[in-house]
Amino acid sequence: MTDRLTADQEENRIKSKEDAAIAAYDALTGEGCESVVAMTPHQTRSTWVVPATSDEGDWRVHVDPRSGSTRLVHVDG
């Protein structure tokens, strides 16, 4: 028997740099940002950090590797 909660979490896991970049791109475009460019992610102990740019400015997108949830941080330049 498959546990639906566990199955959903598995689907959202971020397993690679490419997954993290896609999650960051999707989060920014979902917030209405245009001309989004996600750069090479790096992994910290508990999150992926994806530098990105858009017409609205520079961003750091933090992506939880277990859940796929994102947190957007606008970088003042």
N, C-alpha and C. Protein backbone atom coordinates (compact mmCIF):
# COMPACT_ATOMS: atom_id res chain seq x y z
N MET A 1 0.85 -1.18 0.00
CA MET A 1 0.00 0.00 0.00
C MET A 1 0.90 1.24 0.00
N THR A 2 0.59 2.19 -0.85
CA THR A 2 1.37 3.42 -0.95
C THR A 2 0.77 4.50 -0.06
N ASP A 3 1.61 5.12 0.72
CA ASP A 3 1.20 6.25 1.55
C ASP A 3 1.15 7.49 0.68
N ARG A 4 -0.04 8.08 0.50
CA ARG A 4 -0.19 9.23 -0.40
C ARG A 4 0.69 10.40 0.00
N LEU A 5 0.82 10.66 1.29
CA LEU A 5 1.65 11.77 1.77
C LEU A 5 3.10 11.55 1.37
N THR A 6 3.62 10.37 1.59
CA THR A 6 5.00 10.06 1.22
C THR A 6 5.18 10.11 -0.29
N ALA A 7 4.23 9.60 -1.03
CA ALA A 7 4.32 9.61 -2.50
C ALA A 7 4.37 11.04 -3.02
N ASP A 8 3.55 11.92 -2.47
CA ASP A 8 3.55 13.33 -2.90
C ASP A 8 4.88 13.99 -2.58
N GLN A 9 5.45 13.70 -1.43
CA GLN A 9 6.74 14.28 -1.06
C GLN A 9 7.83 13.80 -2.00
N GLU A 10 7.79 12.53 -2.39
CA GLU A 10 8.80 12.00 -3.31
C GLU A 10 8.74 12.72 -4.65
N GLU A 11 7.54 13.03 -5.12
CA GLU A 11 7.38 13.71 -6.40
C GLU A 11 7.97 15.11 -6.37
N ASN A 12 7.96 15.77 -5.21
CA ASN A 12 8.42 17.14 -5.09
C ASN A 12 9.89 17.26 -4.73
N ARG A 13 10.57 16.15 -4.47
CA ARG A 13 11.98 16.20 -4.08
C ARG A 13 12.83 16.82 -5.17
N ILE A 14 13.81 17.58 -4.71
CA ILE A 14 14.78 18.21 -5.61
C ILE A 14 16.04 17.36 -5.55
N LYS A 15 16.32 16.66 -6.64
CA LYS A 15 17.40 15.68 -6.63
C LYS A 15 18.66 16.13 -7.37
N SER A 16 18.58 17.27 -8.07
CA SER A 16 19.73 17.70 -8.87
C SER A 16 19.74 19.21 -9.00
N LYS A 17 20.86 19.72 -9.51
CA LYS A 17 20.97 21.15 -9.79
C LYS A 17 19.90 21.59 -10.78
N GLU A 18 19.64 20.74 -11.75
CA GLU A 18 18.64 21.06 -12.77
C GLU A 18 17.25 21.19 -12.15
N ASP A 19 16.91 20.27 -11.24
CA ASP A 19 15.62 20.35 -10.55
C ASP A 19 15.51 21.65 -9.75
N ALA A 20 16.60 22.03 -9.07
CA ALA A 20 16.60 23.26 -8.27
C ALA A 20 16.42 24.49 -9.16
N ALA A 21 17.11 24.53 -10.29
CA ALA A 21 16.99 25.67 -11.20
C ALA A 21 15.57 25.77 -11.76
N ILE A 22 14.96 24.64 -12.08
CA ILE A 22 13.59 24.65 -12.59
C ILE A 22 12.63 25.14 -11.52
N ALA A 23 12.80 24.68 -10.30
CA ALA A 23 11.94 25.11 -9.19
C ALA A 23 12.06 26.62 -8.97
N ALA A 24 13.28 27.15 -9.05
CA ALA A 24 13.50 28.59 -8.89
C ALA A 24 12.84 29.37 -10.02
N TYR A 25 13.03 28.91 -11.23
CA TYR A 25 12.42 29.56 -12.40
C TYR A 25 10.89 29.57 -12.25
N ASP A 26 10.32 28.43 -11.90
CA ASP A 26 8.87 28.33 -11.75
C ASP A 26 8.36 29.25 -10.64
N ALA A 27 9.10 29.34 -9.54
CA ALA A 27 8.68 30.20 -8.42
C ALA A 27 8.68 31.66 -8.83
N LEU A 28 9.73 32.09 -9.53
CA LEU A 28 9.81 33.50 -9.95
C LEU A 28 8.76 33.83 -11.00
N THR A 29 8.59 32.98 -11.99
CA THR A 29 7.57 33.27 -13.01
C THR A 29 6.18 33.20 -12.40
N GLY A 30 6.01 32.34 -11.41
CA GLY A 30 4.74 32.26 -10.71
C GLY A 30 4.39 33.52 -9.94
N GLU A 31 5.41 34.27 -9.56
CA GLU A 31 5.21 35.55 -8.86
C GLU A 31 5.12 36.72 -9.83
N GLY A 32 5.15 36.43 -11.13
CA GLY A 32 4.98 37.48 -12.13
C GLY A 32 6.27 38.07 -12.67
N CYS A 33 7.41 37.52 -12.31
CA CYS A 33 8.67 38.03 -12.84
C CYS A 33 8.81 37.65 -14.31
N GLU A 34 9.42 38.55 -15.07
CA GLU A 34 9.62 38.31 -16.49
C GLU A 34 11.11 38.25 -16.82
N SER A 35 11.43 37.58 -17.92
CA SER A 35 12.80 37.40 -18.40
C SER A 35 13.69 36.79 -17.32
N VAL A 36 13.21 35.73 -16.71
CA VAL A 36 13.91 35.06 -15.62
C VAL A 36 15.08 34.23 -16.17
N VAL A 37 16.24 34.40 -15.54
CA VAL A 37 17.41 33.57 -15.84
C VAL A 37 17.89 33.00 -14.52
N ALA A 38 17.76 31.68 -14.38
CA ALA A 38 18.26 30.99 -13.18
C ALA A 38 19.68 30.54 -13.45
N MET A 39 20.58 30.87 -12.54
CA MET A 39 21.99 30.51 -12.69
C MET A 39 22.29 29.20 -11.97
N THR A 40 23.54 28.82 -11.95
CA THR A 40 23.93 27.53 -11.38
C THR A 40 23.65 27.49 -9.88
N PRO A 41 22.81 26.56 -9.44
CA PRO A 41 22.50 26.41 -8.02
C PRO A 41 23.67 25.83 -7.24
N HIS A 42 23.70 26.11 -5.97
CA HIS A 42 24.63 25.41 -5.09
C HIS A 42 23.85 24.92 -3.88
N GLN A 43 24.31 23.81 -3.34
CA GLN A 43 23.60 23.18 -2.25
C GLN A 43 24.31 23.46 -0.93
N THR A 44 23.54 23.92 0.05
CA THR A 44 24.04 24.07 1.40
C THR A 44 23.60 22.86 2.19
N ARG A 45 23.81 22.88 3.46
CA ARG A 45 23.45 21.73 4.29
C ARG A 45 21.95 21.44 4.24
N SER A 46 21.12 22.47 4.15
CA SER A 46 19.68 22.25 4.25
C SER A 46 18.86 22.80 3.08
N THR A 47 19.49 23.39 2.09
CA THR A 47 18.72 23.98 0.99
C THR A 47 19.57 24.12 -0.27
N TRP A 48 18.89 24.25 -1.38
CA TRP A 48 19.54 24.67 -2.62
C TRP A 48 19.40 26.18 -2.69
N VAL A 49 20.43 26.88 -3.09
CA VAL A 49 20.36 28.33 -3.30
C VAL A 49 20.60 28.57 -4.78
N VAL A 50 19.63 29.24 -5.41
CA VAL A 50 19.70 29.48 -6.84
C VAL A 50 19.75 30.98 -7.09
N PRO A 51 20.90 31.51 -7.54
CA PRO A 51 20.95 32.91 -7.93
C PRO A 51 20.15 33.08 -9.23
N ALA A 52 19.43 34.17 -9.34
CA ALA A 52 18.64 34.40 -10.55
C ALA A 52 18.50 35.89 -10.80
N THR A 53 18.19 36.22 -12.04
CA THR A 53 17.90 37.60 -12.40
C THR A 53 16.58 37.63 -13.16
N SER A 54 15.95 38.78 -13.15
CA SER A 54 14.73 39.00 -13.91
C SER A 54 14.64 40.49 -14.21
N ASP A 55 13.63 40.88 -14.95
CA ASP A 55 13.43 42.31 -15.21
C ASP A 55 13.20 43.08 -13.91
N GLU A 56 12.76 42.38 -12.88
CA GLU A 56 12.46 43.01 -11.60
C GLU A 56 13.66 43.09 -10.68
N GLY A 57 14.79 42.52 -11.05
CA GLY A 57 15.99 42.61 -10.22
C GLY A 57 16.70 41.28 -10.03
N ASP A 58 17.59 41.26 -9.04
CA ASP A 58 18.36 40.07 -8.71
C ASP A 58 17.70 39.32 -7.55
N TRP A 59 17.81 38.00 -7.59
CA TRP A 59 17.14 37.15 -6.60
C TRP A 59 18.06 36.05 -6.11
N ARG A 60 17.75 35.55 -4.95
CA ARG A 60 18.28 34.29 -4.44
C ARG A 60 17.05 33.47 -4.09
N VAL A 61 16.92 32.33 -4.72
CA VAL A 61 15.77 31.46 -4.44
C VAL A 61 16.27 30.28 -3.63
N HIS A 62 15.69 30.10 -2.45
CA HIS A 62 16.04 28.99 -1.58
C HIS A 62 15.01 27.89 -1.82
N VAL A 63 15.50 26.70 -2.14
CA VAL A 63 14.63 25.58 -2.48
C VAL A 63 14.89 24.44 -1.50
N ASP A 64 13.84 24.02 -0.82
CA ASP A 64 13.95 22.90 0.12
C ASP A 64 14.08 21.60 -0.68
N PRO A 65 15.17 20.85 -0.48
CA PRO A 65 15.37 19.63 -1.28
C PRO A 65 14.38 18.52 -0.98
N ARG A 66 13.77 18.54 0.19
CA ARG A 66 12.82 17.47 0.54
C ARG A 66 11.42 17.74 0.04
N SER A 67 10.97 18.99 0.17
CA SER A 67 9.58 19.30 -0.20
C SER A 67 9.44 20.02 -1.53
N GLY A 68 10.54 20.66 -1.97
CA GLY A 68 10.46 21.45 -3.19
C GLY A 68 9.91 22.84 -2.96
N SER A 69 9.59 23.19 -1.71
CA SER A 69 9.06 24.53 -1.44
C SER A 69 10.17 25.57 -1.65
N THR A 70 9.75 26.77 -2.00
CA THR A 70 10.71 27.84 -2.32
C THR A 70 10.48 29.06 -1.44
N ARG A 71 11.56 29.83 -1.29
CA ARG A 71 11.51 31.12 -0.60
C ARG A 71 12.30 32.09 -1.48
N LEU A 72 11.67 33.18 -1.87
CA LEU A 72 12.30 34.18 -2.74
C LEU A 72 12.91 35.29 -1.90
N VAL A 73 14.14 35.63 -2.22
CA VAL A 73 14.83 36.73 -1.55
C VAL A 73 15.28 37.70 -2.62
N HIS A 74 14.72 38.93 -2.58
CA HIS A 74 15.12 39.96 -3.53
C HIS A 74 16.43 40.58 -3.05
N VAL A 75 17.42 40.62 -3.91
CA VAL A 75 18.73 41.13 -3.54
C VAL A 75 18.81 42.58 -3.98
N ASP A 76 18.98 43.47 -3.02
CA ASP A 76 19.14 44.90 -3.35
C ASP A 76 20.53 45.13 -3.88
N GLY A 77 20.60 45.81 -4.98
CA GLY A 77 21.89 46.04 -5.59
C GLY A 77 22.22 47.43 -5.65
